[in-house]
Amino acid sequence: MSIPTNIVEGTGQESGKEFCRFLSIAVKSSSELEYHSILAHDLGAMTRSNFESLSAQVVEVRKMLYALRSRVLASTRAAQSKVKA
């Protein structure tokens, strides 16, 4: 729940740099989700197939977050370069 919440909160920020900060928080939230799924599996509250599926999805979401963060940073830097020129 906190991953999409951080993304949405970040979109309301006034700068790309601030948006990236919230994307970084979303990445950290994905690590929390990963830990919770490991714990649930270890405690027997989650089947192995559900654990493997969720783990793969968390990895994919994390990759997307990193890619989006990189694009926003590049866009922000390009916009700053145009303002300085």
C-alpha atoms as a PDB file:
ATOM      1  CA  MET A   1       0.000   0.000   0.000  1.00  0.00           C
ATOM      2  CA  SER A   2       2.804   2.435   0.762  1.00  0.00           C
ATOM      3  CA  ILE A   3       4.521   2.003  -2.625  1.00  0.00           C
ATOM      4  CA  PRO A   4       1.718   3.539  -4.709  1.00  0.00           C
ATOM      5  CA  THR A   5       0.959   6.043  -1.951  1.00  0.00           C
ATOM      6  CA  ASN A   6       4.512   7.382  -2.125  1.00  0.00           C
ATOM      7  CA  ILE A   7       4.356   7.590  -5.910  1.00  0.00           C
ATOM      8  CA  VAL A   8       1.095   9.531  -5.784  1.00  0.00           C
ATOM      9  CA  GLU A   9       2.402  11.823  -3.066  1.00  0.00           C
ATOM     10  CA  GLY A  10       5.520  12.440  -5.148  1.00  0.00           C
ATOM     11  CA  THR A  11       3.534  13.469  -8.205  1.00  0.00           C
ATOM     12  CA  GLY A  12       2.119  16.344  -6.183  1.00  0.00           C
ATOM     13  CA  GLN A  13       5.548  17.818  -5.537  1.00  0.00           C
ATOM     14  CA  GLU A  14       6.743  20.959  -7.222  1.00  0.00           C
ATOM     15  CA  SER A  15      10.010  19.649  -8.632  1.00  0.00           C
ATOM     16  CA  GLY A  16      11.418  16.560 -10.274  1.00  0.00           C
ATOM     17  CA  LYS A  17      13.991  16.335  -7.516  1.00  0.00           C
ATOM     18  CA  GLU A  18      11.258  16.120  -4.887  1.00  0.00           C
ATOM     19  CA  PHE A  19       9.363  13.558  -6.969  1.00  0.00           C
ATOM     20  CA  CYS A  20      12.553  11.470  -7.092  1.00  0.00           C
ATOM     21  CA  ARG A  21      12.785  11.631  -3.316  1.00  0.00           C
ATOM     22  CA  PHE A  22       9.336  10.043  -3.060  1.00  0.00           C
ATOM     23  CA  LEU A  23      10.272   7.444  -5.676  1.00  0.00           C
ATOM     24  CA  SER A  24      13.275   6.564  -3.505  1.00  0.00           C
ATOM     25  CA  ILE A  25      10.946   6.140  -0.544  1.00  0.00           C
ATOM     26  CA  ALA A  26       8.762   3.865  -2.699  1.00  0.00           C
ATOM     27  CA  VAL A  27      11.834   1.739  -3.477  1.00  0.00           C
ATOM     28  CA  LYS A  28      12.502   1.432   0.247  1.00  0.00           C
ATOM     29  CA  SER A  29       8.881   0.446   0.765  1.00  0.00           C
ATOM     30  CA  SER A  30       9.371  -2.341  -1.778  1.00  0.00           C
ATOM     31  CA  SER A  31      12.210  -3.636   0.378  1.00  0.00           C
ATOM     32  CA  GLU A  32       9.867  -3.642   3.368  1.00  0.00           C
ATOM     33  CA  LEU A  33       7.297  -5.593   1.347  1.00  0.00           C
ATOM     34  CA  GLU A  34       9.976  -8.048   0.329  1.00  0.00           C
ATOM     35  CA  TYR A  35      10.928  -8.580   3.969  1.00  0.00           C
ATOM     36  CA  HIS A  36       7.296  -9.027   5.019  1.00  0.00           C
ATOM     37  CA  SER A  37       6.762 -11.651   2.322  1.00  0.00           C
ATOM     38  CA  ILE A  38       9.891 -13.532   3.420  1.00  0.00           C
ATOM     39  CA  LEU A  39       8.665 -13.442   6.994  1.00  0.00           C
ATOM     40  CA  ALA A  40       5.165 -14.594   6.016  1.00  0.00           C
ATOM     41  CA  HIS A  41       6.667 -17.475   4.031  1.00  0.00           C
ATOM     42  CA  ASP A  42       9.038 -18.455   6.838  1.00  0.00           C
ATOM     43  CA  LEU A  43       6.177 -18.452   9.350  1.00  0.00           C
ATOM     44  CA  GLY A  44       4.074 -20.627   7.068  1.00  0.00           C
ATOM     45  CA  ALA A  45       1.479 -17.946   6.383  1.00  0.00           C
ATOM     46  CA  MET A  46       2.267 -17.916   2.645  1.00  0.00           C
ATOM     47  CA  THR A  47       2.717 -20.786   0.237  1.00  0.00           C
ATOM     48  CA  ARG A  48       5.949 -21.143  -1.671  1.00  0.00           C
ATOM     49  CA  SER A  49       4.243 -20.453  -5.004  1.00  0.00           C
ATOM     50  CA  ASN A  50       2.620 -17.272  -3.661  1.00  0.00           C
ATOM     51  CA  PHE A  51       5.929 -16.205  -2.155  1.00  0.00           C
ATOM     52  CA  GLU A  52       7.787 -16.752  -5.422  1.00  0.00           C
ATOM     53  CA  SER A  53       5.118 -14.908  -7.390  1.00  0.00           C
ATOM     54  CA  LEU A  54       5.088 -11.949  -5.012  1.00  0.00           C
ATOM     55  CA  SER A  55       8.889 -11.826  -4.908  1.00  0.00           C
ATOM     56  CA  ALA A  56       9.072 -11.677  -8.699  1.00  0.00           C
ATOM     57  CA  GLN A  57       6.491  -8.901  -8.756  1.00  0.00           C
ATOM     58  CA  VAL A  58       8.376  -6.907  -6.111  1.00  0.00           C
ATOM     59  CA  VAL A  59      11.586  -7.187  -8.130  1.00  0.00           C
ATOM     60  CA  GLU A  60       9.759  -6.035 -11.273  1.00  0.00           C
ATOM     61  CA  VAL A  61       8.175  -3.061  -9.477  1.00  0.00           C
ATOM     62  CA  ARG A  62      11.549  -2.095  -8.017  1.00  0.00           C
ATOM     63  CA  LYS A  63      13.107  -2.144 -11.506  1.00  0.00           C
ATOM     64  CA  MET A  64      10.303   0.067 -12.799  1.00  0.00           C
ATOM     65  CA  LEU A  65      10.764   2.496  -9.912  1.00  0.00           C
ATOM     66  CA  TYR A  66      14.509   2.745 -10.540  1.00  0.00           C
ATOM     67  CA  ALA A  67      13.901   3.312 -14.255  1.00  0.00           C
ATOM     68  CA  LEU A  68      11.280   5.988 -13.602  1.00  0.00           C
ATOM     69  CA  ARG A  69      13.552   7.698 -11.084  1.00  0.00           C
ATOM     70  CA  SER A  70      16.406   7.718 -13.609  1.00  0.00           C
ATOM     71  CA  ARG A  71      14.195   9.218 -16.318  1.00  0.00           C
ATOM     72  CA  VAL A  72      12.828  11.911 -14.004  1.00  0.00           C
ATOM     73  CA  LEU A  73      16.350  12.820 -12.861  1.00  0.00           C
ATOM     74  CA  ALA A  74      17.587  12.991 -16.466  1.00  0.00           C
ATOM     75  CA  SER A  75      14.618  15.136 -17.440  1.00  0.00           C
ATOM     76  CA  THR A  76      15.165  17.423 -14.458  1.00  0.00           C
ATOM     77  CA  ARG A  77      18.849  17.833 -15.282  1.00  0.00           C
ATOM     78  CA  ALA A  78      18.070  18.555 -18.936  1.00  0.00           C
ATOM     79  CA  ALA A  79      15.532  21.204 -17.938  1.00  0.00           C
ATOM     80  CA  GLN A  80      18.040  22.812 -15.544  1.00  0.00           C
ATOM     81  CA  SER A  81      20.682  22.869 -18.301  1.00  0.00           C
ATOM     82  CA  LYS A  82      18.287  24.718 -20.626  1.00  0.00           C
ATOM     83  CA  VAL A  83      17.523  27.299 -17.942  1.00  0.00           C
ATOM     84  CA  LYS A  84      21.258  27.941 -17.366  1.00  0.00           C
ATOM     85  CA  ALA A  85      21.973  28.260 -21.098  1.00  0.00           C
END
